[in-house]
Amino acid sequence: MLRMYVAQQCFGLSDEVIEDAIYDSQAIRGFVGIDLNRESAPDATTLLKFRVLSRC
């Protein structure tokens, strides 16, 4: 989740767009560490919850 957040901040992407970018970009998928053959990308709501929890 942290790497997904970092990629989102580096490229200035919204939660929904970073979710789509993981499916579309092999480079971002590799950085985040998601293997789509074994798992799906976290959805935008999961990233939002992570961001809220990390502020506490």
N, C-alpha and C. Protein backbone atom coordinates (compact mmCIF):
# COMPACT_ATOMS: atom_id res chain seq x y z
N MET A 1 0.81 -1.19 0.00
CA MET A 1 0.00 0.00 0.00
C MET A 1 0.87 1.26 0.00
N LEU A 2 1.97 1.22 0.72
CA LEU A 2 2.83 2.39 0.77
C LEU A 2 3.41 2.70 -0.60
N ARG A 3 3.83 1.68 -1.32
CA ARG A 3 4.38 1.90 -2.67
C ARG A 3 3.31 2.41 -3.62
N MET A 4 2.09 1.94 -3.45
CA MET A 4 0.99 2.43 -4.27
C MET A 4 0.76 3.91 -3.98
N TYR A 5 0.83 4.29 -2.72
CA TYR A 5 0.67 5.69 -2.33
C TYR A 5 1.81 6.54 -2.89
N VAL A 6 3.03 6.04 -2.84
CA VAL A 6 4.19 6.78 -3.36
C VAL A 6 4.03 7.00 -4.87
N ALA A 7 3.66 5.96 -5.60
CA ALA A 7 3.45 6.09 -7.04
C ALA A 7 2.34 7.10 -7.34
N GLN A 8 1.30 7.07 -6.53
CA GLN A 8 0.20 8.02 -6.71
C GLN A 8 0.68 9.45 -6.54
N GLN A 9 1.49 9.70 -5.53
CA GLN A 9 1.99 11.05 -5.27
C GLN A 9 2.99 11.50 -6.33
N CYS A 10 3.84 10.59 -6.79
CA CYS A 10 4.85 10.95 -7.80
C CYS A 10 4.21 11.38 -9.11
N PHE A 11 3.14 10.70 -9.49
CA PHE A 11 2.50 10.99 -10.78
C PHE A 11 1.28 11.90 -10.64
N GLY A 12 0.91 12.26 -9.42
CA GLY A 12 -0.23 13.14 -9.20
C GLY A 12 -1.54 12.52 -9.63
N LEU A 13 -1.76 11.26 -9.26
CA LEU A 13 -2.94 10.52 -9.68
C LEU A 13 -3.96 10.40 -8.56
N SER A 14 -5.22 10.34 -8.93
CA SER A 14 -6.27 10.12 -7.94
C SER A 14 -6.30 8.64 -7.56
N ASP A 15 -7.10 8.32 -6.55
CA ASP A 15 -7.20 6.93 -6.09
C ASP A 15 -7.68 6.01 -7.21
N GLU A 16 -8.69 6.46 -7.94
CA GLU A 16 -9.24 5.63 -9.02
C GLU A 16 -8.25 5.45 -10.16
N VAL A 17 -7.51 6.50 -10.47
CA VAL A 17 -6.58 6.45 -11.60
C VAL A 17 -5.37 5.58 -11.28
N ILE A 18 -4.87 5.61 -10.04
CA ILE A 18 -3.74 4.74 -9.70
C ILE A 18 -4.17 3.28 -9.74
N GLU A 19 -5.40 3.01 -9.36
CA GLU A 19 -5.92 1.64 -9.46
C GLU A 19 -5.91 1.17 -10.92
N ASP A 20 -6.39 2.02 -11.82
CA ASP A 20 -6.37 1.68 -13.25
C ASP A 20 -4.95 1.58 -13.78
N ALA A 21 -4.05 2.45 -13.30
CA ALA A 21 -2.67 2.45 -13.76
C ALA A 21 -1.97 1.14 -13.41
N ILE A 22 -2.32 0.55 -12.28
CA ILE A 22 -1.71 -0.73 -11.91
C ILE A 22 -2.08 -1.80 -12.92
N TYR A 23 -3.31 -1.77 -13.39
CA TYR A 23 -3.72 -2.75 -14.41
C TYR A 23 -3.12 -2.44 -15.77
N ASP A 24 -2.89 -1.16 -16.08
CA ASP A 24 -2.43 -0.75 -17.40
C ASP A 24 -0.91 -0.71 -17.56
N SER A 25 -0.19 -0.40 -16.50
CA SER A 25 1.25 -0.17 -16.61
C SER A 25 2.05 -1.27 -15.90
N GLN A 26 2.85 -1.96 -16.66
CA GLN A 26 3.68 -3.01 -16.09
C GLN A 26 4.75 -2.41 -15.16
N ALA A 27 5.24 -1.22 -15.49
CA ALA A 27 6.26 -0.57 -14.66
C ALA A 27 5.70 -0.22 -13.28
N ILE A 28 4.51 0.37 -13.24
CA ILE A 28 3.90 0.72 -11.95
C ILE A 28 3.56 -0.55 -11.18
N ARG A 29 3.03 -1.54 -11.87
CA ARG A 29 2.70 -2.81 -11.24
C ARG A 29 3.94 -3.45 -10.63
N GLY A 30 5.07 -3.38 -11.32
CA GLY A 30 6.31 -3.93 -10.81
C GLY A 30 6.80 -3.17 -9.59
N PHE A 31 6.71 -1.84 -9.64
CA PHE A 31 7.13 -1.02 -8.50
C PHE A 31 6.28 -1.31 -7.26
N VAL A 32 4.98 -1.40 -7.47
CA VAL A 32 4.06 -1.65 -6.37
C VAL A 32 4.21 -3.08 -5.85
N GLY A 33 4.59 -4.01 -6.73
CA GLY A 33 4.78 -5.40 -6.32
C GLY A 33 3.52 -6.24 -6.43
N ILE A 34 2.68 -5.91 -7.37
CA ILE A 34 1.44 -6.65 -7.59
C ILE A 34 1.63 -7.63 -8.74
N ASP A 35 1.34 -8.89 -8.50
CA ASP A 35 1.33 -9.91 -9.55
C ASP A 35 -0.13 -10.24 -9.84
N LEU A 36 -0.62 -9.76 -10.97
CA LEU A 36 -2.04 -9.91 -11.28
C LEU A 36 -2.45 -11.37 -11.50
N ASN A 37 -1.48 -12.25 -11.67
CA ASN A 37 -1.81 -13.68 -11.79
C ASN A 37 -2.17 -14.28 -10.44
N ARG A 38 -1.74 -13.63 -9.35
CA ARG A 38 -2.00 -14.16 -8.02
C ARG A 38 -2.96 -13.33 -7.20
N GLU A 39 -3.07 -12.03 -7.50
CA GLU A 39 -3.90 -11.14 -6.71
C GLU A 39 -4.38 -9.98 -7.56
N SER A 40 -5.42 -9.33 -7.12
CA SER A 40 -5.89 -8.14 -7.82
C SER A 40 -5.32 -6.90 -7.14
N ALA A 41 -5.39 -5.81 -7.84
CA ALA A 41 -4.90 -4.55 -7.28
C ALA A 41 -5.86 -4.06 -6.21
N PRO A 42 -5.34 -3.43 -5.16
CA PRO A 42 -6.24 -2.84 -4.17
C PRO A 42 -7.12 -1.78 -4.82
N ASP A 43 -8.35 -1.71 -4.39
CA ASP A 43 -9.25 -0.73 -5.00
C ASP A 43 -9.05 0.66 -4.38
N ALA A 44 -9.70 1.63 -4.96
CA ALA A 44 -9.53 3.03 -4.54
C ALA A 44 -9.96 3.23 -3.09
N THR A 45 -10.98 2.53 -2.65
CA THR A 45 -11.45 2.67 -1.27
C THR A 45 -10.40 2.17 -0.28
N THR A 46 -9.71 1.10 -0.62
CA THR A 46 -8.66 0.58 0.25
C THR A 46 -7.53 1.58 0.38
N LEU A 47 -7.16 2.23 -0.71
CA LEU A 47 -6.11 3.24 -0.65
C LEU A 47 -6.55 4.44 0.19
N LEU A 48 -7.80 4.83 0.07
CA LEU A 48 -8.33 5.92 0.88
C LEU A 48 -8.25 5.57 2.36
N LYS A 49 -8.66 4.38 2.73
CA LYS A 49 -8.60 3.94 4.13
C LYS A 49 -7.17 3.92 4.64
N PHE A 50 -6.23 3.47 3.80
CA PHE A 50 -4.82 3.45 4.18
C PHE A 50 -4.32 4.86 4.46
N ARG A 51 -4.68 5.79 3.60
CA ARG A 51 -4.23 7.17 3.76
C ARG A 51 -4.80 7.78 5.04
N VAL A 52 -6.04 7.50 5.35
CA VAL A 52 -6.68 8.03 6.56
C VAL A 52 -6.03 7.42 7.81
N LEU A 53 -5.77 6.12 7.79
CA LEU A 53 -5.15 5.47 8.94
C LEU A 53 -3.72 5.92 9.16
N SER A 54 -3.01 6.24 8.09
CA SER A 54 -1.61 6.63 8.22
C SER A 54 -1.48 8.04 8.80
N ARG A 55 -2.53 8.83 8.78
CA ARG A 55 -2.50 10.18 9.35
C ARG A 55 -2.68 10.17 10.85
N CYS A 56 -3.21 9.10 11.40
CA CYS A 56 -3.47 9.04 12.85
C CYS A 56 -2.22 8.80 13.64
